[in-house]
């Protein structure tokens, strides 16, 4: 009897993540299992780049380049860069295109740029159920409210700071890690356009 060879599993694309924040570097890996299942990719450990978010795009691109090259050395097929937009009045899509164009001039690796609108905290509040789950850290979690689908427009840092109550204060690493352990990526994408963009760029082939 002739044995049939098992079907080979297609190799998943390896995607590097470059970001400027400690909260992202420590926290995003808690979403990796969900992101990898959703996008069908393998995500590499985030790389931190020292990037002043309000700097001109050419300077931002030069700061990102080192991280992109390191991701390539680790085996990344392509890289997604996640930055804070900081300015609530800027157009994240337009600014990300400019930064991506600058990167294309100085490195050959395929790079996508996503601007968190405006900060990581806007992603952290995009799943309110995660806040309730972490009520020990956020005793005033119920006060975090915004119109459905509009997490990006909320004053998320202030909301999270107030939600910690009087006995604690919000810190980007501890609180971000705890929340992201409990967040659902599809819920986050439904409430944050910039996180939805991040999810789509990870999945892009």
Protein backbone atom coordinates (compact mmCIF):
# COMPACT_ATOMS: atom_id res chain seq x y z
CA UNK A 1 0.00 0.00 0.00
CA UNK A 2 1.33 3.41 -0.96
CA UNK A 3 1.39 5.90 1.86
CA UNK A 4 0.45 9.43 1.00
CA UNK A 5 2.67 12.15 2.32
CA UNK A 6 0.87 14.44 4.74
CA UNK A 7 -0.14 17.79 3.35
CA UNK A 8 2.56 20.32 4.09
CA UNK A 9 1.40 23.21 6.21
CA UNK A 10 2.07 26.53 4.49
CA UNK A 11 4.73 28.62 6.15
CA UNK A 12 3.26 31.56 8.01
CA UNK A 13 4.67 34.99 7.33
CA UNK A 14 6.83 36.30 10.15
CA UNK A 15 5.88 39.83 11.13
CA UNK A 16 8.08 42.10 13.20
CA UNK A 17 6.63 44.83 15.42
CA UNK A 18 8.49 48.09 16.05
CA UNK A 19 7.06 50.59 18.53
CA UNK A 20 8.19 53.47 20.72
CA UNK A 21 6.46 52.63 23.99
CA UNK A 22 7.36 50.44 26.98
CA UNK A 23 3.67 49.67 27.47
CA UNK A 24 3.44 48.34 23.92
CA UNK A 25 6.66 46.31 24.16
CA UNK A 26 5.53 44.64 27.39
CA UNK A 27 1.80 44.52 26.70
CA UNK A 28 1.25 43.65 23.03
CA UNK A 29 2.65 40.09 23.34
CA UNK A 30 -0.35 39.30 25.55
CA UNK A 31 -2.47 39.72 22.40
CA UNK A 32 -0.22 37.63 20.18
CA UNK A 33 -2.14 34.35 20.43
CA UNK A 34 -5.34 36.07 19.28
CA UNK A 35 -3.59 38.17 16.64
CA UNK A 36 -1.77 35.19 15.17
CA UNK A 37 -4.96 33.13 14.94
CA UNK A 38 -6.84 36.01 13.37
CA UNK A 39 -4.13 37.03 10.91
CA UNK A 40 -2.52 33.67 10.17
CA UNK A 41 0.99 34.97 10.84
CA UNK A 42 3.82 34.52 13.31
CA UNK A 43 4.58 37.63 15.35
CA UNK A 44 8.08 38.37 16.57
CA UNK A 45 8.95 39.99 19.87
CA UNK A 46 8.31 43.77 19.75
CA UNK A 47 11.31 46.01 19.27
CA UNK A 48 11.47 49.38 20.96
CA UNK A 49 12.66 52.38 18.98
CA UNK A 50 13.49 55.73 20.57
CA UNK A 51 11.10 57.89 18.58
CA UNK A 52 9.92 61.40 19.47
CA UNK A 53 6.34 61.18 18.17
CA UNK A 54 6.07 64.84 17.20
CA UNK A 55 9.37 64.81 15.27
CA UNK A 56 9.42 65.41 11.50
CA UNK A 57 8.75 62.26 9.45
CA UNK A 58 12.34 62.00 8.08
CA UNK A 59 13.72 61.87 11.63
CA UNK A 60 11.08 59.36 12.72
CA UNK A 61 11.97 57.17 9.73
CA UNK A 62 15.66 57.22 10.62
CA UNK A 63 14.88 56.22 14.22
CA UNK A 64 12.60 53.42 13.02
CA UNK A 65 15.14 52.09 10.50
CA UNK A 66 17.34 50.51 13.18
CA UNK A 67 14.39 48.59 14.60
CA UNK A 68 13.28 47.49 11.13
CA UNK A 69 16.76 46.16 10.36
CA UNK A 70 16.85 44.30 13.68
CA UNK A 71 13.47 42.75 12.94
CA UNK A 72 14.80 41.64 9.56
CA UNK A 73 17.84 40.09 11.24
CA UNK A 74 15.45 38.12 13.47
CA UNK A 75 13.73 36.70 10.41
CA UNK A 76 10.84 39.11 9.81
CA UNK A 77 9.34 38.96 6.32
CA UNK A 78 7.76 42.35 6.90
CA UNK A 79 7.40 44.86 9.73
CA UNK A 80 4.48 46.76 11.24
CA UNK A 81 5.40 49.99 13.04
CA UNK A 82 2.97 51.18 15.74
CA UNK A 83 3.39 54.78 16.91
CA UNK A 84 1.39 57.25 18.99
CA UNK A 85 -0.07 60.02 16.88
CA UNK A 86 -0.16 62.26 20.03
CA UNK A 87 -1.94 65.06 18.16
CA UNK A 88 -5.72 64.44 18.23
CA UNK A 89 -6.15 66.92 15.38
CA UNK A 90 -3.80 65.22 12.91
CA UNK A 91 -4.93 62.73 10.28
CA UNK A 92 -3.28 59.44 11.27
CA UNK A 93 -3.69 57.98 7.80
CA UNK A 94 -1.94 60.84 6.04
CA UNK A 95 0.91 61.04 8.54
CA UNK A 96 1.48 57.29 8.44
CA UNK A 97 1.71 57.42 4.63
CA UNK A 98 4.35 60.14 4.83
CA UNK A 99 6.42 58.19 7.37
CA UNK A 100 6.09 55.01 5.31
CA UNK A 101 7.28 56.85 2.19
CA UNK A 102 10.32 58.11 4.09
CA UNK A 103 11.07 54.57 5.26
CA UNK A 104 10.80 53.23 1.70
CA UNK A 105 13.64 55.55 0.73
CA UNK A 106 16.08 54.19 3.29
CA UNK A 107 15.28 50.49 3.82
CA UNK A 108 14.23 47.63 1.57
CA UNK A 109 12.09 45.71 4.07
CA UNK A 110 8.32 45.89 3.57
CA UNK A 111 7.04 48.21 6.30
CA UNK A 112 3.55 49.31 7.33
CA UNK A 113 2.99 52.23 9.70
CA UNK A 114 0.02 52.51 12.04
CA UNK A 115 -0.58 55.53 14.25
CA UNK A 116 -2.44 54.83 17.49
CA UNK A 117 -4.98 57.59 17.78
CA UNK A 118 -3.89 59.07 19.99
CA UNK A 119 -2.04 56.79 22.44
CA UNK A 120 -1.85 53.22 23.70
CA UNK A 121 -4.47 54.15 26.31
CA UNK A 122 -7.06 54.54 23.56
CA UNK A 123 -6.48 50.90 22.65
CA UNK A 124 -6.61 49.88 26.31
CA UNK A 125 -10.14 51.22 26.76
CA UNK A 126 -11.38 49.67 23.50
CA UNK A 127 -12.64 46.58 25.37
CA UNK A 128 -14.62 47.76 28.38
CA UNK A 129 -15.22 44.17 29.50
CA UNK A 130 -11.47 43.87 30.14
CA UNK A 131 -11.68 46.85 32.47
CA UNK A 132 -14.46 45.19 34.42
CA UNK A 133 -12.41 42.00 34.62
CA UNK A 134 -9.56 44.07 36.09
CA UNK A 135 -11.77 45.84 38.62
CA UNK A 136 -9.17 45.27 41.33
CA UNK A 137 -6.83 47.61 39.46
CA UNK A 138 -9.63 49.82 38.19
CA UNK A 139 -12.25 50.11 40.94
CA UNK A 140 -13.89 53.01 39.08
CA UNK A 141 -13.94 51.16 35.75
CA UNK A 142 -17.63 51.90 35.17
CA UNK A 143 -16.80 55.60 34.74
CA UNK A 144 -14.87 54.83 31.54
CA UNK A 145 -17.47 55.53 28.86
CA UNK A 146 -17.54 56.72 25.26
CA UNK A 147 -19.87 56.32 22.26
CA UNK A 148 -19.68 52.85 20.73
CA UNK A 149 -16.87 52.61 18.20
CA UNK A 150 -15.26 55.87 19.35
CA UNK A 151 -12.49 54.81 21.72
CA UNK A 152 -9.98 56.77 19.64
CA UNK A 153 -11.69 60.07 20.41
CA UNK A 154 -11.86 59.60 24.20
CA UNK A 155 -9.49 61.18 26.73
CA UNK A 156 -8.32 57.68 27.55
CA UNK A 157 -5.32 58.53 29.72
CA UNK A 158 -7.45 60.68 32.02
CA UNK A 159 -10.17 58.05 32.15
CA UNK A 160 -7.76 55.26 33.10
CA UNK A 161 -6.05 57.47 35.66
CA UNK A 162 -9.40 58.24 37.29
CA UNK A 163 -10.50 54.62 37.10
CA UNK A 164 -7.63 53.49 39.35
CA UNK A 165 -9.24 55.35 42.27
CA UNK A 166 -7.47 57.01 45.17
CA UNK A 167 -5.40 54.04 46.36
CA UNK A 168 -3.35 53.63 43.19
CA UNK A 169 -2.12 55.55 40.19
CA UNK A 170 -2.08 54.52 36.56
CA UNK A 171 1.23 53.22 35.17
CA UNK A 172 1.72 52.39 31.53
CA UNK A 173 3.38 49.01 32.00
CA UNK A 174 1.59 47.35 34.93
CA UNK A 175 -1.91 48.43 33.97
CA UNK A 176 -1.40 47.94 30.23
CA UNK A 177 -0.14 44.40 30.69
CA UNK A 178 -3.04 43.43 32.95
CA UNK A 179 -5.65 44.90 30.61
CA UNK A 180 -4.20 43.40 27.44
CA UNK A 181 -4.16 39.95 29.03
CA UNK A 182 -7.95 40.23 29.18
CA UNK A 183 -8.76 42.13 25.97
CA UNK A 184 -10.52 40.65 22.97
CA UNK A 185 -8.92 41.85 19.74
CA UNK A 186 -12.15 41.81 17.74
CA UNK A 187 -13.89 43.94 20.35
CA UNK A 188 -10.93 46.31 20.36
CA UNK A 189 -11.08 46.57 16.57
CA UNK A 190 -14.81 47.33 16.68
CA UNK A 191 -14.25 50.27 19.04
CA UNK A 192 -10.93 51.65 17.78
CA UNK A 193 -10.35 52.44 14.12
CA UNK A 194 -6.60 52.67 14.66
CA UNK A 195 -6.48 49.24 16.31
CA UNK A 196 -8.57 47.85 13.46
CA UNK A 197 -5.95 49.29 11.09
CA UNK A 198 -3.21 47.62 13.14
CA UNK A 199 -4.99 44.28 12.89
CA UNK A 200 -5.42 44.63 9.12
CA UNK A 201 -1.76 45.55 8.58
CA UNK A 202 -0.61 42.52 10.56
CA UNK A 203 -2.78 40.31 8.35
CA UNK A 204 -1.70 41.90 5.05
CA UNK A 205 0.29 39.64 2.77
